[in-house]
PDB file of N, CA and C in Angstrom:
ATOM      1  N   MET A   1       3.186   7.116 -14.933  1.00  0.00           N
ATOM      2  CA  MET A   1       3.443   7.811 -13.728  1.00  0.00           C
ATOM      3  C   MET A   1       4.934   7.490 -13.275  1.00  0.00           C
ATOM      4  N   CYS A   2       5.391   6.311 -13.376  1.00  0.00           N
ATOM      5  CA  CYS A   2       6.791   6.056 -12.983  1.00  0.00           C
ATOM      6  C   CYS A   2       7.767   6.785 -13.905  1.00  0.00           C
ATOM      7  N   GLU A   3       7.540   6.744 -15.174  1.00  0.00           N
ATOM      8  CA  GLU A   3       8.454   7.449 -16.011  1.00  0.00           C
ATOM      9  C   GLU A   3       8.528   8.952 -15.767  1.00  0.00           C
ATOM     10  N   GLU A   4       7.391   9.591 -15.390  1.00  0.00           N
ATOM     11  CA  GLU A   4       7.374  10.979 -15.026  1.00  0.00           C
ATOM     12  C   GLU A   4       8.179  11.253 -13.826  1.00  0.00           C
ATOM     13  N   ARG A   5       8.383  10.250 -12.926  1.00  0.00           N
ATOM     14  CA  ARG A   5       9.090  10.441 -11.624  1.00  0.00           C
ATOM     15  C   ARG A   5      10.418   9.825 -11.614  1.00  0.00           C
ATOM     16  N   GLY A   6      10.836   9.186 -12.695  1.00  0.00           N
ATOM     17  CA  GLY A   6      12.120   8.487 -12.756  1.00  0.00           C
ATOM     18  C   GLY A   6      12.124   7.295 -11.814  1.00  0.00           C
ATOM     19  N   ALA A   7      10.983   6.679 -11.707  1.00  0.00           N
ATOM     20  CA  ALA A   7      10.882   5.513 -10.761  1.00  0.00           C
ATOM     21  C   ALA A   7      10.723   4.195 -11.568  1.00  0.00           C
ATOM     22  N   HIS A   8      10.822   3.121 -10.829  1.00  0.00           N
ATOM     23  CA  HIS A   8      10.616   1.791 -11.408  1.00  0.00           C
ATOM     24  C   HIS A   8       9.381   1.168 -10.768  1.00  0.00           C
ATOM     25  N   CYS A   9       8.731   0.319 -11.508  1.00  0.00           N
ATOM     26  CA  CYS A   9       7.510  -0.347 -10.995  1.00  0.00           C
ATOM     27  C   CYS A   9       7.657  -1.870 -11.160  1.00  0.00           C
ATOM     28  N   TYR A  10       7.312  -2.573 -10.164  1.00  0.00           N
ATOM     29  CA  TYR A  10       7.351  -4.025 -10.229  1.00  0.00           C
ATOM     30  C   TYR A  10       5.994  -4.576  -9.641  1.00  0.00           C
ATOM     31  N   TRP A  11       5.638  -5.732 -10.209  1.00  0.00           N
ATOM     32  CA  TRP A  11       4.374  -6.386  -9.686  1.00  0.00           C
ATOM     33  C   TRP A  11       4.555  -7.831  -9.964  1.00  0.00           C
ATOM     34  N   PRO A  12       3.824  -8.616  -9.191  1.00  0.00           N
ATOM     35  CA  PRO A  12       3.835 -10.087  -9.295  1.00  0.00           C
ATOM     36  C   PRO A  12       3.122 -10.521 -10.578  1.00  0.00           C
ATOM     37  N   GLU A  13       3.360 -11.778 -10.990  1.00  0.00           N
ATOM     38  CA  GLU A  13       2.662 -12.272 -12.141  1.00  0.00           C
ATOM     39  C   GLU A  13       1.192 -12.347 -11.868  1.00  0.00           C
ATOM     40  N   LYS A  14       0.306 -12.277 -12.938  1.00  0.00           N
ATOM     41  CA  LYS A  14      -1.103 -12.100 -12.782  1.00  0.00           C
ATOM     42  C   LYS A  14      -1.709 -13.228 -11.847  1.00  0.00           C
ATOM     43  N   PRO A  15      -1.289 -14.432 -11.883  1.00  0.00           N
ATOM     44  CA  PRO A  15      -1.938 -15.456 -10.966  1.00  0.00           C
ATOM     45  C   PRO A  15      -1.805 -15.113  -9.500  1.00  0.00           C
ATOM     46  N   PHE A  16      -0.847 -14.259  -9.160  1.00  0.00           N
ATOM     47  CA  PHE A  16      -0.660 -13.884  -7.797  1.00  0.00           C
ATOM     48  C   PHE A  16      -1.317 -12.516  -7.432  1.00  0.00           C
ATOM     49  N   CYS A  17      -2.028 -11.955  -8.387  1.00  0.00           N
ATOM     50  CA  CYS A  17      -2.655 -10.604  -8.167  1.00  0.00           C
ATOM     51  C   CYS A  17      -4.152 -10.695  -7.991  1.00  0.00           C
ATOM     52  N   ILE A  18      -4.679 -11.750  -7.557  1.00  0.00           N
ATOM     53  CA  ILE A  18      -6.125 -11.946  -7.537  1.00  0.00           C
ATOM     54  C   ILE A  18      -6.718 -11.767  -6.199  1.00  0.00           C
ATOM     55  N   ASP A  19      -5.931 -11.629  -5.144  1.00  0.00           N
ATOM     56  CA  ASP A  19      -6.477 -11.557  -3.780  1.00  0.00           C
ATOM     57  C   ASP A  19      -6.061 -10.260  -3.139  1.00  0.00           C
ATOM     58  N   ASN A  20      -6.892  -9.200  -3.200  1.00  0.00           N
ATOM     59  CA  ASN A  20      -6.537  -7.967  -2.502  1.00  0.00           C
ATOM     60  C   ASN A  20      -6.398  -8.160  -1.032  1.00  0.00           C
ATOM     61  N   GLY A  21      -7.136  -9.084  -0.399  1.00  0.00           N
ATOM     62  CA  GLY A  21      -6.983  -9.363   0.987  1.00  0.00           C
ATOM     63  C   GLY A  21      -5.574  -9.757   1.373  1.00  0.00           C
ATOM     64  N   THR A  22      -4.899 -10.526   0.632  1.00  0.00           N
ATOM     65  CA  THR A  22      -3.556 -10.851   0.879  1.00  0.00           C
ATOM     66  C   THR A  22      -2.643  -9.721   0.801  1.00  0.00           C
ATOM     67  N   MET A  23      -2.823  -8.813  -0.219  1.00  0.00           N
ATOM     68  CA  MET A  23      -1.992  -7.618  -0.341  1.00  0.00           C
ATOM     69  C   MET A  23      -2.290  -6.693   0.843  1.00  0.00           C
ATOM     70  N   ILE A  24      -3.500  -6.512   1.221  1.00  0.00           N
ATOM     71  CA  ILE A  24      -3.814  -5.618   2.379  1.00  0.00           C
ATOM     72  C   ILE A  24      -3.157  -6.216   3.667  1.00  0.00           C
ATOM     73  N   ALA A  25      -3.226  -7.483   3.848  1.00  0.00           N
ATOM     74  CA  ALA A  25      -2.664  -8.112   5.042  1.00  0.00           C
ATOM     75  C   ALA A  25      -1.078  -7.888   5.066  1.00  0.00           C
ATOM     76  N   GLU A  26      -0.481  -8.042   3.867  1.00  0.00           N
ATOM     77  CA  GLU A  26       0.997  -7.845   3.800  1.00  0.00           C
ATOM     78  C   GLU A  26       1.354  -6.346   4.136  1.00  0.00           C
ATOM     79  N   LEU A  27       0.589  -5.422   3.614  1.00  0.00           N
ATOM     80  CA  LEU A  27       0.715  -4.008   3.989  1.00  0.00           C
ATOM     81  C   LEU A  27       0.672  -3.789   5.468  1.00  0.00           C
ATOM     82  N   GLY A  28      -0.328  -4.434   6.042  1.00  0.00           N
ATOM     83  CA  GLY A  28      -0.553  -4.261   7.508  1.00  0.00           C
ATOM     84  C   GLY A  28       0.599  -4.860   8.287  1.00  0.00           C
ATOM     85  N   ARG A  29       1.167  -6.011   7.841  1.00  0.00           N
ATOM     86  CA  ARG A  29       2.270  -6.651   8.433  1.00  0.00           C
ATOM     87  C   ARG A  29       3.482  -5.777   8.399  1.00  0.00           C
ATOM     88  N   ARG A  30       3.724  -5.144   7.224  1.00  0.00           N
ATOM     89  CA  ARG A  30       4.926  -4.292   7.064  1.00  0.00           C
ATOM     90  C   ARG A  30       4.798  -3.054   7.941  1.00  0.00           C
ATOM     91  N   MET A  31       3.578  -2.473   8.007  1.00  0.00           N
ATOM     92  CA  MET A  31       3.386  -1.275   8.829  1.00  0.00           C
ATOM     93  C   MET A  31       3.539  -1.616  10.300  1.00  0.00           C
ATOM     94  N   LEU A  32       2.992  -2.736  10.782  1.00  0.00           N
ATOM     95  CA  LEU A  32       3.143  -3.167  12.129  1.00  0.00           C
ATOM     96  C   LEU A  32       4.583  -3.385  12.509  1.00  0.00           C
ATOM     97  N   GLU A  33       5.305  -3.966  11.669  1.00  0.00           N
ATOM     98  CA  GLU A  33       6.761  -4.204  11.911  1.00  0.00           C
ATOM     99  C   GLU A  33       7.490  -2.871  12.111  1.00  0.00           C
ATOM    100  N   CYS A  34       7.038  -1.818  11.450  1.00  0.00           N
ATOM    101  CA  CYS A  34       7.639  -0.485  11.586  1.00  0.00           C
ATOM    102  C   CYS A  34       7.057   0.265  12.782  1.00  0.00           C
ATOM    103  N   GLY A  35       6.191  -0.357  13.519  1.00  0.00           N
ATOM    104  CA  GLY A  35       5.587   0.359  14.687  1.00  0.00           C
ATOM    105  C   GLY A  35       4.423   1.311  14.326  1.00  0.00           C
ATOM    106  N   ILE A  36       3.864   1.141  13.144  1.00  0.00           N
ATOM    107  CA  ILE A  36       2.781   1.983  12.717  1.00  0.00           C
ATOM    108  C   ILE A  36       1.422   1.298  12.972  1.00  0.00           C
ATOM    109  N   GLU A  37       0.669   1.840  13.840  1.00  0.00           N
ATOM    110  CA  GLU A  37      -0.671   1.366  14.146  1.00  0.00           C
ATOM    111  C   GLU A  37      -1.709   2.355  13.759  1.00  0.00           C
ATOM    112  N   THR A  38      -2.879   1.875  13.268  1.00  0.00           N
ATOM    113  CA  THR A  38      -3.986   2.712  12.918  1.00  0.00           C
ATOM    114  C   THR A  38      -5.202   2.418  13.835  1.00  0.00           C
ATOM    115  N   LYS A  39      -5.645   3.453  14.572  1.00  0.00           N
ATOM    116  CA  LYS A  39      -6.793   3.304  15.472  1.00  0.00           C
ATOM    117  C   LYS A  39      -7.993   3.005  14.546  1.00  0.00           C
ATOM    118  N   ILE A  40      -8.926   2.216  15.033  1.00  0.00           N
ATOM    119  CA  ILE A  40     -10.101   1.840  14.319  1.00  0.00           C
ATOM    120  C   ILE A  40     -10.901   3.084  13.857  1.00  0.00           C
ATOM    121  N   MET A  41     -10.897   4.131  14.661  1.00  0.00           N
ATOM    122  CA  MET A  41     -11.636   5.331  14.292  1.00  0.00           C
ATOM    123  C   MET A  41     -11.008   6.120  13.163  1.00  0.00           C
ATOM    124  N   ASP A  42      -9.710   5.797  12.858  1.00  0.00           N
ATOM    125  CA  ASP A  42      -9.007   6.445  11.805  1.00  0.00           C
ATOM    126  C   ASP A  42      -8.859   5.518  10.565  1.00  0.00           C
ATOM    127  N   SER A  43      -9.555   4.424  10.516  1.00  0.00           N
ATOM    128  CA  SER A  43      -9.328   3.456   9.467  1.00  0.00           C
ATOM    129  C   SER A  43     -10.386   3.494   8.380  1.00  0.00           C
ATOM    130  N   ALA A  44     -11.113   4.623   8.257  1.00  0.00           N
ATOM    131  CA  ALA A  44     -12.101   4.725   7.165  1.00  0.00           C
ATOM    132  C   ALA A  44     -11.482   4.670   5.787  1.00  0.00           C
ATOM    133  N   ILE A  45     -12.238   4.282   4.796  1.00  0.00           N
ATOM    134  CA  ILE A  45     -11.835   4.233   3.423  1.00  0.00           C
ATOM    135  C   ILE A  45     -12.009   5.600   2.779  1.00  0.00           C
ATOM    136  N   ASP A  46     -10.999   6.001   2.081  1.00  0.00           N
ATOM    137  CA  ASP A  46     -11.030   7.291   1.336  1.00  0.00           C
ATOM    138  C   ASP A  46     -11.033   6.948  -0.153  1.00  0.00           C
ATOM    139  N   PRO A  47     -12.170   6.914  -0.824  1.00  0.00           N
ATOM    140  CA  PRO A  47     -12.212   6.565  -2.205  1.00  0.00           C
ATOM    141  C   PRO A  47     -11.525   7.508  -3.165  1.00  0.00           C
ATOM    142  N   SER A  48     -11.197   8.705  -2.679  1.00  0.00           N
ATOM    143  CA  SER A  48     -10.445   9.654  -3.516  1.00  0.00           C
ATOM    144  C   SER A  48      -9.018   9.648  -3.308  1.00  0.00           C
ATOM    145  N   LEU A  49      -8.544   8.733  -2.456  1.00  0.00           N
ATOM    146  CA  LEU A  49      -7.123   8.649  -2.118  1.00  0.00           C
ATOM    147  C   LEU A  49      -6.308   8.271  -3.354  1.00  0.00           C
ATOM    148  N   ARG A  50      -5.222   9.026  -3.668  1.00  0.00           N
ATOM    149  CA  ARG A  50      -4.346   8.723  -4.751  1.00  0.00           C
ATOM    150  C   ARG A  50      -3.077   8.153  -4.232  1.00  0.00           C
ATOM    151  N   THR A  51      -2.737   7.000  -4.684  1.00  0.00           N
ATOM    152  CA  THR A  51      -1.544   6.262  -4.181  1.00  0.00           C
ATOM    153  C   THR A  51      -0.243   7.146  -4.556  1.00  0.00           C
ATOM    154  N   ASP A  52      -0.284   7.893  -5.612  1.00  0.00           N
ATOM    155  CA  ASP A  52       0.911   8.693  -5.991  1.00  0.00           C
ATOM    156  C   ASP A  52       1.067   9.884  -5.052  1.00  0.00           C
ATOM    157  N   ASN A  53       0.081  10.195  -4.222  1.00  0.00           N
ATOM    158  CA  ASN A  53       0.187  11.293  -3.313  1.00  0.00           C
ATOM    159  C   ASN A  53       0.229  10.765  -1.826  1.00  0.00           C
ATOM    160  N   THR A  54       0.518   9.475  -1.660  1.00  0.00           N
ATOM    161  CA  THR A  54       0.526   8.909  -0.330  1.00  0.00           C
ATOM    162  C   THR A  54       1.947   8.788   0.241  1.00  0.00           C
ATOM    163  N   ILE A  55       2.237   9.343   1.326  1.00  0.00           N
ATOM    164  CA  ILE A  55       3.580   9.219   1.937  1.00  0.00           C
ATOM    165  C   ILE A  55       3.810   7.777   2.455  1.00  0.00           C
ATOM    166  N   VAL A  56       4.841   7.124   1.996  1.00  0.00           N
ATOM    167  CA  VAL A  56       5.190   5.803   2.402  1.00  0.00           C
ATOM    168  C   VAL A  56       6.175   5.894   3.630  1.00  0.00           C
ATOM    169  N   VAL A  57       5.796   5.436   4.795  1.00  0.00           N
ATOM    170  CA  VAL A  57       6.623   5.645   5.951  1.00  0.00           C
ATOM    171  C   VAL A  57       7.151   4.310   6.525  1.00  0.00           C
ATOM    172  N   TRP A  58       6.879   3.212   5.841  1.00  0.00           N
ATOM    173  CA  TRP A  58       7.255   1.898   6.395  1.00  0.00           C
ATOM    174  C   TRP A  58       8.423   1.267   5.533  1.00  0.00           C
ATOM    175  N   GLN A  59       9.206   2.028   4.837  1.00  0.00           N
ATOM    176  CA  GLN A  59      10.234   1.494   3.956  1.00  0.00           C
ATOM    177  C   GLN A  59      11.310   0.793   4.729  1.00  0.00           C
TER     178      GLN A  59
END
């Protein structure tokens, strides 16, 4: 997917990729720092969500 888009991909070493809770918390922290808040009623899980079609607004 990265090659198709001319992008680069980075990830931590495997021992650091075992806790999705930590990654979710970090995403929440970054979004909150950018002033992005999600109301509880809008926080449902979308199992068909594709990350390559998700707009990143907290860069």
